[in-house]
Protein backbone atom coordinates (compact mmCIF):
# COMPACT_ATOMS: atom_id res chain seq x y z
CA MET A 1 -37.80 16.82 32.88
CA ASN A 2 -40.10 15.00 30.46
CA ILE A 3 -39.37 11.71 28.76
CA THR A 4 -38.63 13.28 25.33
CA ILE A 5 -35.87 15.50 26.73
CA LYS A 6 -34.33 12.56 28.65
CA CYS A 7 -34.33 10.39 25.51
CA THR A 8 -32.80 13.20 23.45
CA ILE A 9 -30.02 13.82 25.98
CA THR A 10 -29.30 10.08 26.19
CA LEU A 11 -29.20 9.77 22.39
CA VAL A 12 -26.86 12.77 21.99
CA PHE A 13 -24.55 11.41 24.71
CA PHE A 14 -24.51 7.97 23.05
CA LEU A 15 -23.68 9.44 19.62
CA LEU A 16 -20.87 11.55 21.08
CA ILE A 17 -19.30 8.50 22.70
CA CYS A 18 -19.62 6.48 19.48
CA SER A 19 -18.01 9.20 17.36
CA PHE A 20 -15.17 9.60 19.88
CA VAL A 21 -14.47 5.88 19.93
CA LYS A 22 -14.59 5.67 16.14
CA GLY A 23 -12.24 8.65 15.82
CA GLN A 24 -9.71 6.94 18.09
CA LYS A 25 -9.45 3.80 15.98
CA THR A 26 -5.84 2.58 16.10
CA ASP A 27 -6.24 -1.17 15.62
CA ILE A 28 -4.50 -1.41 12.25
CA GLN A 29 -3.06 -4.85 11.63
CA TRP A 30 0.29 -4.46 9.85
CA TYR A 31 1.95 -7.23 7.88
CA SER A 32 5.35 -5.88 8.94
CA GLU A 33 6.72 -2.98 10.95
CA THR A 34 10.40 -2.05 11.20
CA GLU A 35 12.33 0.78 12.83
CA ASN A 36 15.70 1.92 11.51
CA ASN A 37 17.48 4.95 13.03
CA GLY A 38 14.26 6.80 13.81
CA ILE A 39 12.42 5.86 10.61
CA THR A 40 9.49 3.47 11.04
CA ILE A 41 8.08 1.65 8.01
CA GLN A 42 4.72 -0.12 8.29
CA ASN A 43 3.44 -2.38 5.49
CA SER A 44 -0.17 -3.44 5.04
CA PHE A 45 -1.75 -6.74 4.14
CA PRO A 46 -3.06 -6.95 0.53
CA LYS A 47 -6.50 -6.33 -0.93
CA GLY A 48 -7.56 -6.86 -4.52
CA GLY A 49 -9.15 -9.21 -7.01
CA PRO A 50 -9.62 -9.74 -10.76
CA TYR A 51 -8.38 -6.83 -12.85
CA THR A 52 -11.08 -5.60 -15.23
CA GLY A 53 -9.39 -2.49 -16.66
CA PRO A 54 -7.90 -2.14 -20.14
CA THR A 55 -5.45 -4.88 -21.06
CA LYS A 56 -3.37 -5.63 -24.12
CA LYS A 57 -2.37 -9.13 -25.19
CA HIS A 58 -2.19 -11.22 -22.03
CA PHE A 59 -4.62 -13.27 -19.93
CA ASN A 60 -5.99 -13.86 -16.43
CA TYR A 61 -5.21 -10.41 -15.05
CA SER A 62 -5.56 -9.80 -11.31
CA TYR A 63 -4.24 -7.23 -8.88
CA LEU A 64 -3.28 -6.64 -5.27
CA VAL A 65 -3.15 -3.29 -3.49
CA PHE A 66 -0.75 -2.63 -0.61
CA PHE A 67 -0.06 0.54 1.29
CA THR A 68 3.01 1.65 3.20
CA ARG A 69 3.33 4.18 6.00
CA VAL A 70 6.68 5.90 6.60
CA ILE A 71 7.03 7.71 9.94
CA ASN A 72 9.81 10.23 10.59
CA GLU A 73 10.66 10.06 14.28
CA THR A 74 14.00 11.82 13.82
CA GLU A 75 14.72 15.52 14.43
CA ASN A 76 15.34 16.24 10.73
CA GLN A 77 13.23 16.24 7.56
CA PHE A 78 14.02 13.88 4.71
CA GLU A 79 13.05 13.30 1.11
CA LEU A 80 11.31 9.99 0.41
CA SER A 81 11.61 8.82 -3.18
CA VAL A 82 10.08 5.57 -4.47
CA HIS A 83 9.95 4.49 -8.12
CA PHE A 84 9.05 1.44 -10.18
CA SER A 85 9.80 0.80 -13.85
CA ALA A 86 7.12 -0.71 -16.04
CA ASP A 87 9.16 -3.90 -16.41
CA SER A 88 7.52 -7.29 -16.01
CA ILE A 89 8.96 -9.55 -13.34
CA GLY A 90 8.79 -13.29 -13.92
CA ILE A 91 7.42 -15.48 -11.15
CA PRO A 92 9.65 -18.42 -10.12
CA ASP A 93 8.20 -21.87 -10.83
CA SER A 94 5.46 -20.25 -12.98
CA PRO A 95 7.20 -19.57 -16.32
CA ASN A 96 4.17 -17.95 -17.98
CA THR A 97 3.14 -15.72 -15.05
CA PHE A 98 4.36 -12.17 -14.47
CA VAL A 99 3.86 -9.19 -12.14
CA LYS A 100 4.30 -5.45 -12.60
CA LEU A 101 4.52 -2.95 -9.74
CA PHE A 102 3.34 0.63 -9.93
CA LEU A 103 2.46 3.61 -7.74
CA PRO A 104 -1.06 4.90 -8.43
CA PRO A 105 -1.71 8.64 -8.05
CA ASP A 106 -4.51 8.14 -5.49
CA THR A 107 -3.87 9.53 -2.00
CA MET A 108 -3.95 6.97 0.82
CA THR A 109 -5.23 7.91 4.28
CA LEU A 110 -5.74 5.71 7.34
CA GLU A 111 -9.49 6.35 7.02
CA LYS A 112 -9.45 4.28 3.80
CA GLN A 113 -8.10 1.11 5.42
CA ASP A 114 -11.55 -0.56 5.50
CA LEU A 115 -12.46 0.29 1.88
CA PHE A 116 -12.36 -2.16 -1.01
CA SER A 117 -8.78 -2.11 -2.39
CA TYR A 118 -8.03 0.57 0.24
CA GLY A 119 -9.93 3.04 -1.95
CA VAL A 120 -7.66 2.87 -5.01
CA THR A 121 -9.43 3.89 -8.21
CA GLU A 122 -6.52 4.60 -10.60
CA LEU A 123 -5.40 1.19 -11.83
CA GLU A 124 -4.57 2.03 -15.44
CA SER A 125 -1.04 3.43 -15.20
CA PHE A 126 0.87 0.15 -14.96
CA GLU A 127 2.28 0.31 -18.52
CA LYS A 128 4.65 3.21 -17.71
CA PRO A 129 7.20 3.97 -14.97
CA THR A 130 5.77 5.57 -11.83
CA LYS A 131 7.30 7.60 -9.02
CA PHE A 132 6.30 8.89 -5.59
CA GLN A 133 8.29 11.66 -3.93
CA LYS A 134 7.57 13.54 -0.71
CA THR A 135 9.36 15.55 1.95
CA ILE A 136 8.53 14.20 5.41
CA ASN A 137 9.12 16.61 8.26
CA SER A 138 10.24 15.60 11.74
CA LYS A 139 7.48 13.80 13.71
CA GLU A 140 5.28 13.45 10.61
CA ASP A 141 4.30 10.50 8.45
CA CYS A 142 3.40 9.69 4.88
CA LEU A 143 1.26 6.97 3.27
CA PHE A 144 1.31 5.68 -0.30
CA TYR A 145 -0.03 2.79 -2.35
CA VAL A 146 1.80 0.07 -4.25
CA VAL A 147 -0.22 -1.98 -6.75
CA ALA A 148 0.85 -5.34 -8.17
CA ILE A 149 -0.74 -6.35 -11.49
CA PHE A 150 -0.43 -10.06 -12.31
CA TYR A 151 -0.97 -11.58 -15.75
CA GLN A 152 -0.24 -14.73 -17.69
CA THR A 153 0.99 -15.16 -21.24
CA ARG A 154 -1.10 -18.27 -21.89
CA ALA A 155 -4.85 -18.43 -21.49
CA ASP A 156 -4.86 -22.09 -20.41
CA ILE A 157 -2.89 -21.69 -17.17
CA GLN A 158 -5.45 -19.79 -15.12
CA ASN A 159 -4.85 -21.75 -11.93
CA GLN A 160 -1.05 -21.61 -12.01
CA GLN A 161 0.49 -20.45 -8.72
CA ARG A 162 1.06 -16.70 -8.69
CA GLY A 163 1.99 -16.06 -5.03
CA GLY A 164 2.81 -12.52 -4.00
CA ASN A 165 0.29 -12.13 -1.21
CA ARG A 166 2.74 -10.36 1.11
CA ALA A 167 4.96 -7.40 0.31
CA GLU A 168 7.06 -4.88 2.19
CA LEU A 169 9.23 -1.83 1.76
CA ILE A 170 12.60 -2.28 3.47
CA LEU A 171 15.19 0.37 4.36
CA LYS A 172 18.90 -0.55 4.21
CA GLY A 173 21.08 2.45 4.95
CA GLN A 174 19.48 5.13 2.79
CA ASP A 175 18.32 2.74 0.07
CA LEU A 176 14.80 1.36 -0.23
CA PHE A 177 14.00 -2.14 -1.46
CA TYR A 178 10.69 -3.83 -2.22
CA LYS A 179 10.19 -7.48 -1.35
CA MET A 180 7.31 -9.67 -2.53
CA SER A 181 7.85 -13.34 -1.85
CA PRO A 182 8.45 -15.46 -3.85
CA GLN A 183 8.52 -13.20 -6.92
CA ILE A 184 10.73 -10.38 -5.73
CA ASP A 185 13.48 -11.04 -3.23
CA SER A 186 14.93 -7.52 -3.16
CA LEU A 187 14.12 -4.87 -5.79
CA HIS A 188 15.89 -1.53 -5.38
CA CYS A 189 13.12 1.07 -5.61
CA GLY A 190 14.27 4.35 -4.08
CA GLN A 191 15.94 6.10 -1.19
CA ILE A 192 15.57 8.34 1.82
CA MET A 193 17.78 11.43 1.74
CA PHE A 194 18.06 13.66 4.81
CA LYS A 195 18.00 17.38 4.10
CA LYS A 196 20.74 19.60 5.52
């Protein structure tokens, strides 16, 4: 066997091993992970930066992107429903700083976890209510984004504390709540309804 064939075989073998290892990536670091009666909810850490999309009358816009994974480990399918109004939420101890939550239409996949802002491109729908609804079958999962848009009502308070660098979806009974400390202690945002 000549040297070219040996090098080619070695290269092909190396590339196969690399693609297999990359395809098996499971080292996601979750901010929080909870299990409740066969439903697992995993919440990501944030990504984001200055918001440069269209704005109206406020100042110092920035955003954070989170994603949540809901895993159905029960024997039955259920309907996941999450919604956010377009209401502004005041930030404690920062009277001129606000946050709005919305659900962008982009589709999250685990392959996007290393992308800038987890691959979100649709950041312009935060002025209207948004909703995410999906049926999750037994032994399946679902991923979706939550985006937080921060702004201030005075231009001269750019460095005022905004917080909100950790967020999580929490299941209590069948009701879903969103928590973003210190801004949002417990915001009702949806439910999980098992199908008969």
